[in-house]
Amino acid sequence: MAKIDVLDKIKEINFERLVSRDVAKGLSKELDLAGMATDVNTLLSIILLPGFAIFVVLSFVFYFFGLGALLSWGLAIVSAILYAVAVYVFIEYKIDLRKTVVEKALPDFLQIVAANLRSGISLERAMLLAARPEFGILSEDVKEMNRRVFGGQTLEISLTELGNRYKSVELRHAVRMINEALRYGGAMSDLISQIAKDIRNQQLVQKEVAGQLLLYTIFVAFAGLIAAPVLYGLTSQMIVVTDSVWNGILQSNPNGLPTTGVSFLRPSPPKITPTTYHDFSYAAIIIITGFSSLIMSAISTGSPLKGVRTMPVFIAVGLVIYIIVQSVIGGLFSNLGSV
């Protein structure tokens, strides 16, 4: 019962008061574009409450491992910000996914609308009959648009609202052209058919460009997935070997190394420890492989957000290659004391 009471109290908190009205409107628009049945207050609670929990927990964890209070707070704040960024990226990914689905179905949908118009029915009726199940979310929104039209809303306003439900330039361009034809007159069926042909031709050109850029995609994949982990694994083991050699030298010369008469030429062991470089390698590989997936998606599809789907795979493959290379190189130099 106590847990239920706490949840009810949390739901009663108005998180929208913590942000400005413009920010709240922007978040509401983002949620509408993503097709998420969530209000701004719920979204802010999802961001702020877990973010605060992450800050508190990681502050104690980092401080427990001896990082110091100031550094622990800084890292905890960065972690909470990264969580908020991850939520925002997820929303943007949903927006881009909806746009992709709609733009893929739009040419066929418009062709069916144009064919229905040639039979002599009205535009709203033609769009309703074209709203087939295979068009997915576009059909659902078209049916909702028709309900508003039958409820007394003008067709022009309903079409504009339909175009604003997606972050699609192609759909908004089609809606703008249809509204101008409604306002000034014209052969509607021919116009819609031509719009469908133009959108399909544009999509074909995008596919051709993506095919021509395949070589760049392969290069990015090789550099991010193979080259970077291999180089980091090799360098990591070189530091292990160097550290092992220096430990042997210092044990043989407990009083210090002899100088050559010039103080700045005195040899000294490296300042980077194998553990520090190992941790740095993990962080660098995660960043490099993560951005590689985004860059590949931007080159091949024009949208980096589509790379979010492959990002976990890229990161996992990069880390596995790094571990394998490190193990192989470590086995080759095991006679020198490296592992």
C-alpha atoms as a PDB file:
ATOM      1  CA  MET A   1       0.000   0.000   0.000  1.00  0.00           C
ATOM      2  CA  ALA A   2       2.852   2.376   0.817  1.00  0.00           C
ATOM      3  CA  LYS A   3       4.407   1.774  -2.598  1.00  0.00           C
ATOM      4  CA  ILE A   4       1.104   2.561  -4.318  1.00  0.00           C
ATOM      5  CA  ASP A   5       0.754   5.772  -2.290  1.00  0.00           C
ATOM      6  CA  VAL A   6       4.243   6.880  -3.342  1.00  0.00           C
ATOM      7  CA  LEU A   7       3.458   6.232  -7.016  1.00  0.00           C
ATOM      8  CA  ASP A   8       0.217   8.186  -6.729  1.00  0.00           C
ATOM      9  CA  LYS A   9       2.046  11.119  -5.160  1.00  0.00           C
ATOM     10  CA  ILE A  10       4.659  11.055  -7.917  1.00  0.00           C
ATOM     11  CA  LYS A  11       1.916  11.163 -10.554  1.00  0.00           C
ATOM     12  CA  GLU A  12       0.439  14.231  -8.863  1.00  0.00           C
ATOM     13  CA  ILE A  13       3.698  16.191  -9.210  1.00  0.00           C
ATOM     14  CA  ASN A  14       3.561  18.756 -12.013  1.00  0.00           C
ATOM     15  CA  PHE A  15       7.007  18.482 -13.602  1.00  0.00           C
ATOM     16  CA  GLU A  16       6.037  20.924 -16.345  1.00  0.00           C
ATOM     17  CA  ARG A  17       6.552  23.778 -13.887  1.00  0.00           C
ATOM     18  CA  LEU A  18      10.277  23.020 -13.951  1.00  0.00           C
ATOM     19  CA  VAL A  19      10.596  23.968 -17.633  1.00  0.00           C
ATOM     20  CA  SER A  20       9.481  26.957 -19.663  1.00  0.00           C
ATOM     21  CA  ARG A  21       6.326  26.975 -21.750  1.00  0.00           C
ATOM     22  CA  ASP A  22       8.324  26.917 -24.997  1.00  0.00           C
ATOM     23  CA  VAL A  23      10.230  23.835 -23.851  1.00  0.00           C
ATOM     24  CA  ALA A  24       6.970  22.117 -22.880  1.00  0.00           C
ATOM     25  CA  LYS A  25       5.458  22.930 -26.278  1.00  0.00           C
ATOM     26  CA  GLY A  26       8.551  21.626 -28.034  1.00  0.00           C
ATOM     27  CA  LEU A  27       8.474  18.373 -26.081  1.00  0.00           C
ATOM     28  CA  SER A  28       4.757  17.984 -26.780  1.00  0.00           C
ATOM     29  CA  LYS A  29       5.398  18.410 -30.505  1.00  0.00           C
ATOM     30  CA  GLU A  30       8.217  15.853 -30.386  1.00  0.00           C
ATOM     31  CA  LEU A  31       5.910  13.341 -28.679  1.00  0.00           C
ATOM     32  CA  ASP A  32       3.239  13.910 -31.334  1.00  0.00           C
ATOM     33  CA  LEU A  33       5.762  13.412 -34.137  1.00  0.00           C
ATOM     34  CA  ALA A  34       6.939  10.201 -32.450  1.00  0.00           C
ATOM     35  CA  GLY A  35       3.363   8.948 -32.137  1.00  0.00           C
ATOM     36  CA  MET A  36       3.800   8.313 -28.435  1.00  0.00           C
ATOM     37  CA  ALA A  37       0.682   8.383 -26.251  1.00  0.00           C
ATOM     38  CA  THR A  38       2.532  10.187 -23.453  1.00  0.00           C
ATOM     39  CA  ASP A  39       2.066  13.695 -22.117  1.00  0.00           C
ATOM     40  CA  VAL A  40       4.882  16.118 -21.330  1.00  0.00           C
ATOM     41  CA  ASN A  41       4.530  15.664 -17.563  1.00  0.00           C
ATOM     42  CA  THR A  42       5.030  11.892 -17.858  1.00  0.00           C
ATOM     43  CA  LEU A  43       8.014  12.361 -20.156  1.00  0.00           C
ATOM     44  CA  LEU A  44       9.656  14.783 -17.730  1.00  0.00           C
ATOM     45  CA  SER A  45       9.066  12.349 -14.864  1.00  0.00           C
ATOM     46  CA  ILE A  46      10.732   9.603 -16.920  1.00  0.00           C
ATOM     47  CA  ILE A  47      13.727  11.877 -17.495  1.00  0.00           C
ATOM     48  CA  LEU A  48      14.085  13.604 -14.130  1.00  0.00           C
ATOM     49  CA  LEU A  49      13.321  10.882 -11.582  1.00  0.00           C
ATOM     50  CA  PRO A  50      15.608   8.155 -12.990  1.00  0.00           C
ATOM     51  CA  GLY A  51      18.187  10.835 -13.812  1.00  0.00           C
ATOM     52  CA  PHE A  52      18.226  11.974 -10.193  1.00  0.00           C
ATOM     53  CA  ALA A  53      18.440   8.345  -9.029  1.00  0.00           C
ATOM     54  CA  ILE A  54      21.389   7.759 -11.378  1.00  0.00           C
ATOM     55  CA  PHE A  55      23.109  10.862  -9.988  1.00  0.00           C
ATOM     56  CA  VAL A  56      22.661   9.777  -6.362  1.00  0.00           C
ATOM     57  CA  VAL A  57      23.641   6.140  -6.854  1.00  0.00           C
ATOM     58  CA  LEU A  58      26.672   6.820  -9.048  1.00  0.00           C
ATOM     59  CA  SER A  59      27.869   9.580  -6.732  1.00  0.00           C
ATOM     60  CA  PHE A  60      28.125   7.062  -3.883  1.00  0.00           C
ATOM     61  CA  VAL A  61      29.587   4.380  -6.174  1.00  0.00           C
ATOM     62  CA  PHE A  62      32.310   6.625  -7.580  1.00  0.00           C
ATOM     63  CA  TYR A  63      33.099   8.026  -4.137  1.00  0.00           C
ATOM     64  CA  PHE A  64      33.276   4.482  -2.737  1.00  0.00           C
ATOM     65  CA  PHE A  65      35.939   3.652  -5.312  1.00  0.00           C
ATOM     66  CA  GLY A  66      38.009   6.609  -4.087  1.00  0.00           C
ATOM     67  CA  LEU A  67      37.505   9.122  -6.901  1.00  0.00           C
ATOM     68  CA  GLY A  68      36.903  12.053  -4.578  1.00  0.00           C
ATOM     69  CA  ALA A  69      33.706  13.982  -3.913  1.00  0.00           C
ATOM     70  CA  LEU A  70      34.046  16.602  -6.671  1.00  0.00           C
ATOM     71  CA  LEU A  71      35.020  14.105  -9.370  1.00  0.00           C
ATOM     72  CA  SER A  72      32.291  11.695  -8.258  1.00  0.00           C
ATOM     73  CA  TRP A  73      29.645  14.410  -8.522  1.00  0.00           C
ATOM     74  CA  GLY A  74      30.942  15.454 -11.930  1.00  0.00           C
ATOM     75  CA  LEU A  75      30.857  11.936 -13.330  1.00  0.00           C
ATOM     76  CA  ALA A  76      27.417  11.341 -11.826  1.00  0.00           C
ATOM     77  CA  ILE A  77      26.074  14.532 -13.422  1.00  0.00           C
ATOM     78  CA  VAL A  78      27.523  13.502 -16.792  1.00  0.00           C
ATOM     79  CA  SER A  79      25.893  10.069 -16.441  1.00  0.00           C
ATOM     80  CA  ALA A  80      22.512  11.627 -15.660  1.00  0.00           C
ATOM     81  CA  ILE A  81      22.845  13.953 -18.665  1.00  0.00           C
ATOM     82  CA  LEU A  82      23.733  10.987 -20.884  1.00  0.00           C
ATOM     83  CA  TYR A  83      20.582   9.229 -19.684  1.00  0.00           C
ATOM     84  CA  ALA A  84      18.480  12.271 -20.661  1.00  0.00           C
ATOM     85  CA  VAL A  85      20.236  12.380 -24.043  1.00  0.00           C
ATOM     86  CA  ALA A  86      19.485   8.668 -24.530  1.00  0.00           C
ATOM     87  CA  VAL A  87      15.772   9.316 -23.906  1.00  0.00           C
ATOM     88  CA  TYR A  88      15.814  12.184 -26.402  1.00  0.00           C
ATOM     89  CA  VAL A  89      17.636  10.060 -29.006  1.00  0.00           C
ATOM     90  CA  PHE A  90      15.022   7.333 -28.551  1.00  0.00           C
ATOM     91  CA  ILE A  91      12.236   9.839 -29.240  1.00  0.00           C
ATOM     92  CA  GLU A  92      14.065  11.133 -32.319  1.00  0.00           C
ATOM     93  CA  TYR A  93      14.542   7.554 -33.483  1.00  0.00           C
ATOM     94  CA  LYS A  94      10.785   6.938 -33.184  1.00  0.00           C
ATOM     95  CA  ILE A  95      10.144  10.126 -35.183  1.00  0.00           C
ATOM     96  CA  ASP A  96      12.528   9.045 -37.928  1.00  0.00           C
ATOM     97  CA  LEU A  97      11.053   5.532 -37.971  1.00  0.00           C
ATOM     98  CA  ARG A  98       7.521   6.897 -38.452  1.00  0.00           C
ATOM     99  CA  LYS A  99       8.761   9.200 -41.210  1.00  0.00           C
ATOM    100  CA  THR A 100      10.435   6.299 -43.010  1.00  0.00           C
ATOM    101  CA  VAL A 101       7.313   4.129 -42.843  1.00  0.00           C
ATOM    102  CA  VAL A 102       5.096   6.929 -44.163  1.00  0.00           C
ATOM    103  CA  GLU A 103       7.433   7.970 -46.986  1.00  0.00           C
ATOM    104  CA  LYS A 104       7.747   4.365 -48.106  1.00  0.00           C
ATOM    105  CA  ALA A 105       3.955   3.977 -48.364  1.00  0.00           C
ATOM    106  CA  LEU A 106       3.183   7.471 -49.643  1.00  0.00           C
ATOM    107  CA  PRO A 107       3.677   6.960 -53.438  1.00  0.00           C
ATOM    108  CA  ASP A 108       1.414   3.904 -53.565  1.00  0.00           C
ATOM    109  CA  PHE A 109      -1.159   5.604 -51.353  1.00  0.00           C
ATOM    110  CA  LEU A 110      -1.285   8.679 -53.582  1.00  0.00           C
ATOM    111  CA  GLN A 111      -1.577   6.578 -56.723  1.00  0.00           C
ATOM    112  CA  ILE A 112      -4.614   4.814 -55.275  1.00  0.00           C
ATOM    113  CA  VAL A 113      -6.105   8.178 -54.254  1.00  0.00           C
ATOM    114  CA  ALA A 114      -5.639   9.474 -57.820  1.00  0.00           C
ATOM    115  CA  ALA A 115      -7.297   6.357 -59.245  1.00  0.00           C
ATOM    116  CA  ASN A 116     -10.225   6.775 -56.860  1.00  0.00           C
ATOM    117  CA  LEU A 117     -10.623  10.430 -57.868  1.00  0.00           C
ATOM    118  CA  ARG A 118     -10.934   9.444 -61.523  1.00  0.00           C
ATOM    119  CA  SER A 119     -14.025   7.430 -60.612  1.00  0.00           C
ATOM    120  CA  GLY A 120     -15.751  10.681 -59.594  1.00  0.00           C
ATOM    121  CA  ILE A 121     -15.754  10.552 -55.778  1.00  0.00           C
ATOM    122  CA  SER A 122     -14.659  13.349 -53.449  1.00  0.00           C
ATOM    123  CA  LEU A 123     -11.074  13.739 -52.235  1.00  0.00           C
ATOM    124  CA  GLU A 124     -11.753  12.832 -48.593  1.00  0.00           C
ATOM    125  CA  ARG A 125     -13.686   9.740 -49.705  1.00  0.00           C
ATOM    126  CA  ALA A 126     -10.901   8.796 -52.130  1.00  0.00           C
ATOM    127  CA  MET A 127      -8.331   9.053 -49.333  1.00  0.00           C
ATOM    128  CA  LEU A 128     -10.489   6.993 -46.980  1.00  0.00           C
ATOM    129  CA  LEU A 129     -10.877   4.205 -49.542  1.00  0.00           C
ATOM    130  CA  ALA A 130      -7.115   4.274 -50.185  1.00  0.00           C
ATOM    131  CA  ALA A 131      -6.354   3.836 -46.476  1.00  0.00           C
ATOM    132  CA  ARG A 132      -5.559   0.133 -46.699  1.00  0.00           C
ATOM    133  CA  PRO A 133      -4.094  -1.937 -43.825  1.00  0.00           C
ATOM    134  CA  GLU A 134      -0.751  -2.414 -45.609  1.00  0.00           C
ATOM    135  CA  PHE A 135      -0.086   1.323 -45.307  1.00  0.00           C
ATOM    136  CA  GLY A 136       0.035   1.007 -41.507  1.00  0.00           C
ATOM    137  CA  ILE A 137       0.081   4.195 -39.461  1.00  0.00           C
ATOM    138  CA  LEU A 138      -0.633   6.361 -42.522  1.00  0.00           C
ATOM    139  CA  SER A 139      -3.985   4.614 -42.994  1.00  0.00           C
ATOM    140  CA  GLU A 140      -4.861   5.087 -39.339  1.00  0.00           C
ATOM    141  CA  ASP A 141      -4.128   8.817 -39.479  1.00  0.00           C
ATOM    142  CA  VAL A 142      -6.066   9.205 -42.740  1.00  0.00           C
ATOM    143  CA  LYS A 143      -9.089   7.559 -41.120  1.00  0.00           C
ATOM    144  CA  GLU A 144      -8.739   9.890 -38.150  1.00  0.00           C
ATOM    145  CA  MET A 145      -8.534  12.827 -40.564  1.00  0.00           C
ATOM    146  CA  ASN A 146     -11.778  11.725 -42.217  1.00  0.00           C
ATOM    147  CA  ARG A 147     -13.512  11.528 -38.850  1.00  0.00           C
ATOM    148  CA  ARG A 148     -12.562  15.140 -38.203  1.00  0.00           C
ATOM    149  CA  VAL A 149     -13.791  16.166 -41.663  1.00  0.00           C
ATOM    150  CA  PHE A 150     -17.134  14.440 -41.086  1.00  0.00           C
ATOM    151  CA  GLY A 151     -17.265  16.212 -37.716  1.00  0.00           C
ATOM    152  CA  GLY A 152     -17.240  19.625 -39.417  1.00  0.00           C
ATOM    153  CA  GLN A 153     -13.536  20.476 -39.816  1.00  0.00           C
ATOM    154  CA  THR A 154     -12.472  21.759 -43.211  1.00  0.00           C
ATOM    155  CA  LEU A 155     -10.531  19.403 -45.457  1.00  0.00           C
ATOM    156  CA  GLU A 156      -7.679  21.896 -45.851  1.00  0.00           C
ATOM    157  CA  ILE A 157      -7.094  22.152 -42.099  1.00  0.00           C
ATOM    158  CA  SER A 158      -7.390  18.362 -41.689  1.00  0.00           C
ATOM    159  CA  LEU A 159      -4.809  17.776 -44.418  1.00  0.00           C
ATOM    160  CA  THR A 160      -2.440  20.291 -42.821  1.00  0.00           C
ATOM    161  CA  GLU A 161      -2.759  18.542 -39.460  1.00  0.00           C
ATOM    162  CA  LEU A 162      -2.088  15.211 -41.193  1.00  0.00           C
ATOM    163  CA  GLY A 163       1.129  16.582 -42.700  1.00  0.00           C
ATOM    164  CA  ASN A 164       2.243  17.981 -39.341  1.00  0.00           C
ATOM    165  CA  ARG A 165       1.927  14.587 -37.661  1.00  0.00           C
ATOM    166  CA  TYR A 166       5.133  13.424 -39.359  1.00  0.00           C
ATOM    167  CA  LYS A 167       8.558  14.953 -39.777  1.00  0.00           C
ATOM    168  CA  SER A 168       8.390  14.237 -43.481  1.00  0.00           C
ATOM    169  CA  VAL A 169       9.242  16.866 -46.078  1.00  0.00           C
ATOM    170  CA  GLU A 170       7.699  14.730 -48.827  1.00  0.00           C
ATOM    171  CA  LEU A 171       4.343  14.411 -47.068  1.00  0.00           C
ATOM    172  CA  ARG A 172       4.197  18.113 -46.217  1.00  0.00           C
ATOM    173  CA  HIS A 173       5.052  19.018 -49.795  1.00  0.00           C
ATOM    174  CA  ALA A 174       2.258  16.765 -51.062  1.00  0.00           C
ATOM    175  CA  VAL A 175      -0.225  18.275 -48.587  1.00  0.00           C
ATOM    176  CA  ARG A 176       0.791  21.805 -49.586  1.00  0.00           C
ATOM    177  CA  MET A 177       0.275  21.049 -53.274  1.00  0.00           C
ATOM    178  CA  ILE A 178      -3.120  19.426 -52.625  1.00  0.00           C
ATOM    179  CA  ASN A 179      -4.262  22.367 -50.488  1.00  0.00           C
ATOM    180  CA  GLU A 180      -3.264  24.812 -53.216  1.00  0.00           C
ATOM    181  CA  ALA A 181      -5.233  22.772 -55.756  1.00  0.00           C
ATOM    182  CA  LEU A 182      -8.237  22.809 -53.420  1.00  0.00           C
ATOM    183  CA  ARG A 183      -7.913  26.566 -52.961  1.00  0.00           C
ATOM    184  CA  TYR A 184      -7.308  27.589 -56.579  1.00  0.00           C
ATOM    185  CA  GLY A 185      -8.715  24.656 -58.522  1.00  0.00           C
ATOM    186  CA  GLY A 186      -7.058  22.194 -60.872  1.00  0.00           C
ATOM    187  CA  ALA A 187      -7.029  18.608 -62.075  1.00  0.00           C
ATOM    188  CA  MET A 188      -6.685  16.960 -58.675  1.00  0.00           C
ATOM    189  CA  SER A 189      -6.261  13.382 -59.899  1.00  0.00           C
ATOM    190  CA  ASP A 190      -3.473  14.332 -62.336  1.00  0.00           C
ATOM    191  CA  LEU A 191      -1.752  16.441 -59.693  1.00  0.00           C
ATOM    192  CA  ILE A 192      -1.761  13.681 -57.074  1.00  0.00           C
ATOM    193  CA  SER A 193      -0.576  11.129 -59.627  1.00  0.00           C
ATOM    194  CA  GLN A 194       2.321  13.414 -60.608  1.00  0.00           C
ATOM    195  CA  ILE A 195       3.228  13.981 -56.949  1.00  0.00           C
ATOM    196  CA  ALA A 196       3.358  10.211 -56.432  1.00  0.00           C
ATOM    197  CA  LYS A 197       5.630   9.787 -59.458  1.00  0.00           C
ATOM    198  CA  ASP A 198       7.964  12.573 -58.274  1.00  0.00           C
ATOM    199  CA  ILE A 199       8.246  11.061 -54.789  1.00  0.00           C
ATOM    200  CA  ARG A 200       8.975   7.605 -56.218  1.00  0.00           C
ATOM    201  CA  ASN A 201      11.630   9.020 -58.573  1.00  0.00           C
ATOM    202  CA  GLN A 202      13.241  10.889 -55.687  1.00  0.00           C
ATOM    203  CA  GLN A 203      13.370   7.716 -53.606  1.00  0.00           C
ATOM    204  CA  LEU A 204      14.970   5.842 -56.513  1.00  0.00           C
ATOM    205  CA  VAL A 205      17.617   8.561 -56.832  1.00  0.00           C
ATOM    206  CA  GLN A 206      18.346   8.280 -53.110  1.00  0.00           C
ATOM    207  CA  LYS A 207      18.850   4.524 -53.471  1.00  0.00           C
ATOM    208  CA  GLU A 208      21.218   5.048 -56.409  1.00  0.00           C
ATOM    209  CA  VAL A 209      23.245   7.586 -54.438  1.00  0.00           C
ATOM    210  CA  ALA A 210      23.415   5.189 -51.502  1.00  0.00           C
ATOM    211  CA  GLY A 211      24.715   2.459 -53.829  1.00  0.00           C
ATOM    212  CA  GLN A 212      27.407   4.746 -55.203  1.00  0.00           C
ATOM    213  CA  LEU A 213      28.511   5.596 -51.658  1.00  0.00           C
ATOM    214  CA  LEU A 214      28.867   1.939 -50.715  1.00  0.00           C
ATOM    215  CA  LEU A 215      32.664   2.168 -50.849  1.00  0.00           C
ATOM    216  CA  TYR A 216      32.659   4.924 -48.208  1.00  0.00           C
ATOM    217  CA  THR A 217      30.362   2.819 -46.031  1.00  0.00           C
ATOM    218  CA  ILE A 218      32.739  -0.138 -46.270  1.00  0.00           C
ATOM    219  CA  PHE A 219      35.692   2.093 -45.377  1.00  0.00           C
ATOM    220  CA  VAL A 220      33.918   3.493 -42.290  1.00  0.00           C
ATOM    221  CA  ALA A 221      32.924  -0.020 -41.220  1.00  0.00           C
ATOM    222  CA  PHE A 222      36.495  -1.276 -41.585  1.00  0.00           C
ATOM    223  CA  ALA A 223      37.998   1.705 -39.758  1.00  0.00           C
ATOM    224  CA  GLY A 224      35.520   1.621 -36.894  1.00  0.00           C
ATOM    225  CA  LEU A 225      34.884  -2.099 -36.462  1.00  0.00           C
ATOM    226  CA  ILE A 226      38.279  -3.641 -37.293  1.00  0.00           C
ATOM    227  CA  ALA A 227      41.130  -1.149 -37.575  1.00  0.00           C
ATOM    228  CA  ALA A 228      40.485   0.820 -34.372  1.00  0.00           C
ATOM    229  CA  PRO A 229      39.963  -2.215 -32.055  1.00  0.00           C
ATOM    230  CA  VAL A 230      43.008  -3.980 -33.552  1.00  0.00           C
ATOM    231  CA  LEU A 231      45.246  -0.937 -33.077  1.00  0.00           C
ATOM    232  CA  TYR A 232      44.013  -0.367 -29.531  1.00  0.00           C
ATOM    233  CA  GLY A 233      44.524  -4.050 -28.692  1.00  0.00           C
ATOM    234  CA  LEU A 234      48.048  -4.001 -30.125  1.00  0.00           C
ATOM    235  CA  THR A 235      48.953  -0.767 -28.345  1.00  0.00           C
ATOM    236  CA  SER A 236      47.519  -2.054 -25.079  1.00  0.00           C
ATOM    237  CA  GLN A 237      49.752  -5.096 -25.144  1.00  0.00           C
ATOM    238  CA  MET A 238      52.757  -3.006 -26.161  1.00  0.00           C
ATOM    239  CA  ILE A 239      52.225  -0.920 -23.025  1.00  0.00           C
ATOM    240  CA  VAL A 240      51.932  -4.130 -20.965  1.00  0.00           C
ATOM    241  CA  VAL A 241      55.219  -5.398 -22.392  1.00  0.00           C
ATOM    242  CA  THR A 242      56.913  -2.034 -21.904  1.00  0.00           C
ATOM    243  CA  ASP A 243      55.681  -1.849 -18.324  1.00  0.00           C
ATOM    244  CA  SER A 244      56.975  -5.382 -17.678  1.00  0.00           C
ATOM    245  CA  VAL A 245      60.394  -4.517 -19.119  1.00  0.00           C
ATOM    246  CA  TRP A 246      60.626  -1.348 -17.042  1.00  0.00           C
ATOM    247  CA  ASN A 247      59.683  -3.230 -13.876  1.00  0.00           C
ATOM    248  CA  GLY A 248      62.574  -5.603 -14.537  1.00  0.00           C
ATOM    249  CA  ILE A 249      64.963  -2.700 -15.153  1.00  0.00           C
ATOM    250  CA  LEU A 250      63.933  -0.889 -11.981  1.00  0.00           C
ATOM    251  CA  GLN A 251      64.264  -4.073  -9.932  1.00  0.00           C
ATOM    252  CA  SER A 252      67.797  -4.485 -11.285  1.00  0.00           C
ATOM    253  CA  ASN A 253      68.634  -0.854 -10.476  1.00  0.00           C
ATOM    254  CA  PRO A 254      66.961  -0.048  -7.148  1.00  0.00           C
ATOM    255  CA  ASN A 255      69.085   3.112  -6.736  1.00  0.00           C
ATOM    256  CA  GLY A 256      67.904   4.553 -10.028  1.00  0.00           C
ATOM    257  CA  LEU A 257      69.207   4.530 -13.570  1.00  0.00           C
ATOM    258  CA  PRO A 258      72.594   6.042 -14.358  1.00  0.00           C
ATOM    259  CA  THR A 259      72.545   9.395 -16.101  1.00  0.00           C
ATOM    260  CA  THR A 260      74.443  10.363 -19.228  1.00  0.00           C
ATOM    261  CA  GLY A 261      75.402  13.782 -17.931  1.00  0.00           C
ATOM    262  CA  VAL A 262      72.398  15.556 -19.420  1.00  0.00           C
ATOM    263  CA  SER A 263      69.430  15.660 -17.025  1.00  0.00           C
ATOM    264  CA  PHE A 264      66.670  15.853 -19.631  1.00  0.00           C
ATOM    265  CA  LEU A 265      68.000  12.705 -21.377  1.00  0.00           C
ATOM    266  CA  ARG A 266      67.501  10.546 -18.309  1.00  0.00           C
ATOM    267  CA  PRO A 267      65.304   7.570 -19.290  1.00  0.00           C
ATOM    268  CA  SER A 268      62.153   7.067 -17.257  1.00  0.00           C
ATOM    269  CA  PRO A 269      59.274   4.571 -17.263  1.00  0.00           C
ATOM    270  CA  PRO A 270      56.059   5.510 -19.102  1.00  0.00           C
ATOM    271  CA  LYS A 271      53.497   7.495 -17.124  1.00  0.00           C
ATOM    272  CA  ILE A 272      50.524   5.523 -18.499  1.00  0.00           C
ATOM    273  CA  THR A 273      49.812   2.266 -16.717  1.00  0.00           C
ATOM    274  CA  PRO A 274      48.369  -0.759 -18.545  1.00  0.00           C
ATOM    275  CA  THR A 275      45.168  -0.544 -16.482  1.00  0.00           C
ATOM    276  CA  THR A 276      44.625   3.122 -17.378  1.00  0.00           C
ATOM    277  CA  TYR A 277      45.162   2.517 -21.073  1.00  0.00           C
ATOM    278  CA  HIS A 278      42.943  -0.575 -20.944  1.00  0.00           C
ATOM    279  CA  ASP A 279      40.063   1.485 -19.533  1.00  0.00           C
ATOM    280  CA  PHE A 280      40.739   4.241 -22.057  1.00  0.00           C
ATOM    281  CA  SER A 281      40.658   1.694 -24.886  1.00  0.00           C
ATOM    282  CA  TYR A 282      37.235   0.454 -23.831  1.00  0.00           C
ATOM    283  CA  ALA A 283      35.838   3.990 -23.756  1.00  0.00           C
ATOM    284  CA  ALA A 284      37.452   4.936 -27.082  1.00  0.00           C
ATOM    285  CA  ILE A 285      36.197   1.805 -28.860  1.00  0.00           C
ATOM    286  CA  ILE A 286      32.647   2.361 -27.602  1.00  0.00           C
ATOM    287  CA  ILE A 287      32.716   5.956 -28.878  1.00  0.00           C
ATOM    288  CA  ILE A 288      34.347   5.113 -32.226  1.00  0.00           C
ATOM    289  CA  THR A 289      32.124   2.135 -33.047  1.00  0.00           C
ATOM    290  CA  GLY A 290      29.011   3.999 -31.893  1.00  0.00           C
ATOM    291  CA  PHE A 291      29.724   6.964 -34.152  1.00  0.00           C
ATOM    292  CA  SER A 292      30.693   4.588 -36.974  1.00  0.00           C
ATOM    293  CA  SER A 293      27.178   3.162 -37.001  1.00  0.00           C
ATOM    294  CA  LEU A 294      25.715   6.679 -37.123  1.00  0.00           C
ATOM    295  CA  ILE A 295      28.071   7.762 -39.915  1.00  0.00           C
ATOM    296  CA  MET A 296      27.322   4.650 -41.967  1.00  0.00           C
ATOM    297  CA  SER A 297      23.605   5.258 -41.567  1.00  0.00           C
ATOM    298  CA  ALA A 298      23.989   8.900 -42.595  1.00  0.00           C
ATOM    299  CA  ILE A 299      25.925   7.881 -45.737  1.00  0.00           C
ATOM    300  CA  SER A 300      23.639   5.037 -46.802  1.00  0.00           C
ATOM    301  CA  THR A 301      20.198   6.373 -45.804  1.00  0.00           C
ATOM    302  CA  GLY A 302      20.666  10.085 -45.211  1.00  0.00           C
ATOM    303  CA  SER A 303      19.563   9.801 -41.589  1.00  0.00           C
ATOM    304  CA  PRO A 304      22.094   9.072 -38.814  1.00  0.00           C
ATOM    305  CA  LEU A 305      19.303   8.111 -36.400  1.00  0.00           C
ATOM    306  CA  LYS A 306      18.728   4.853 -38.257  1.00  0.00           C
ATOM    307  CA  GLY A 307      22.166   3.825 -37.032  1.00  0.00           C
ATOM    308  CA  VAL A 308      20.829   3.619 -33.476  1.00  0.00           C
ATOM    309  CA  ARG A 309      19.504   0.142 -34.287  1.00  0.00           C
ATOM    310  CA  THR A 310      22.937  -1.182 -35.257  1.00  0.00           C
ATOM    311  CA  MET A 311      24.899   0.739 -32.625  1.00  0.00           C
ATOM    312  CA  PRO A 312      24.791  -2.026 -29.935  1.00  0.00           C
ATOM    313  CA  VAL A 313      25.971  -4.573 -32.515  1.00  0.00           C
ATOM    314  CA  PHE A 314      28.831  -2.328 -33.636  1.00  0.00           C
ATOM    315  CA  ILE A 315      29.936  -1.715 -30.053  1.00  0.00           C
ATOM    316  CA  ALA A 316      29.785  -5.423 -29.174  1.00  0.00           C
ATOM    317  CA  VAL A 317      31.760  -6.452 -32.279  1.00  0.00           C
ATOM    318  CA  GLY A 318      34.404  -3.780 -31.663  1.00  0.00           C
ATOM    319  CA  LEU A 319      34.895  -4.852 -28.038  1.00  0.00           C
ATOM    320  CA  VAL A 320      35.068  -8.532 -28.987  1.00  0.00           C
ATOM    321  CA  ILE A 321      37.721  -7.836 -31.647  1.00  0.00           C
ATOM    322  CA  TYR A 322      39.686  -5.760 -29.122  1.00  0.00           C
ATOM    323  CA  ILE A 323      39.601  -8.553 -26.531  1.00  0.00           C
ATOM    324  CA  ILE A 324      40.586 -11.189 -29.114  1.00  0.00           C
ATOM    325  CA  VAL A 325      43.527  -9.126 -30.424  1.00  0.00           C
ATOM    326  CA  GLN A 326      44.653  -8.359 -26.901  1.00  0.00           C
ATOM    327  CA  SER A 327      44.550 -12.057 -25.975  1.00  0.00           C
ATOM    328  CA  VAL A 328      46.415 -13.146 -29.108  1.00  0.00           C
ATOM    329  CA  ILE A 329      49.156 -10.520 -28.765  1.00  0.00           C
ATOM    330  CA  GLY A 330      49.379 -11.244 -25.034  1.00  0.00           C
ATOM    331  CA  GLY A 331      49.925 -14.939 -25.761  1.00  0.00           C
ATOM    332  CA  LEU A 332      52.690 -14.110 -28.221  1.00  0.00           C
ATOM    333  CA  PHE A 333      54.554 -12.048 -25.609  1.00  0.00           C
ATOM    334  CA  SER A 334      53.749 -14.240 -22.630  1.00  0.00           C
ATOM    335  CA  ASN A 335      57.422 -15.171 -22.316  1.00  0.00           C
ATOM    336  CA  LEU A 336      58.097 -11.539 -21.427  1.00  0.00           C
ATOM    337  CA  GLY A 337      55.640 -11.612 -18.538  1.00  0.00           C
ATOM    338  CA  SER A 338      52.588 -10.158 -20.319  1.00  0.00           C
ATOM    339  CA  VAL A 339      49.198 -11.839 -19.973  1.00  0.00           C
END
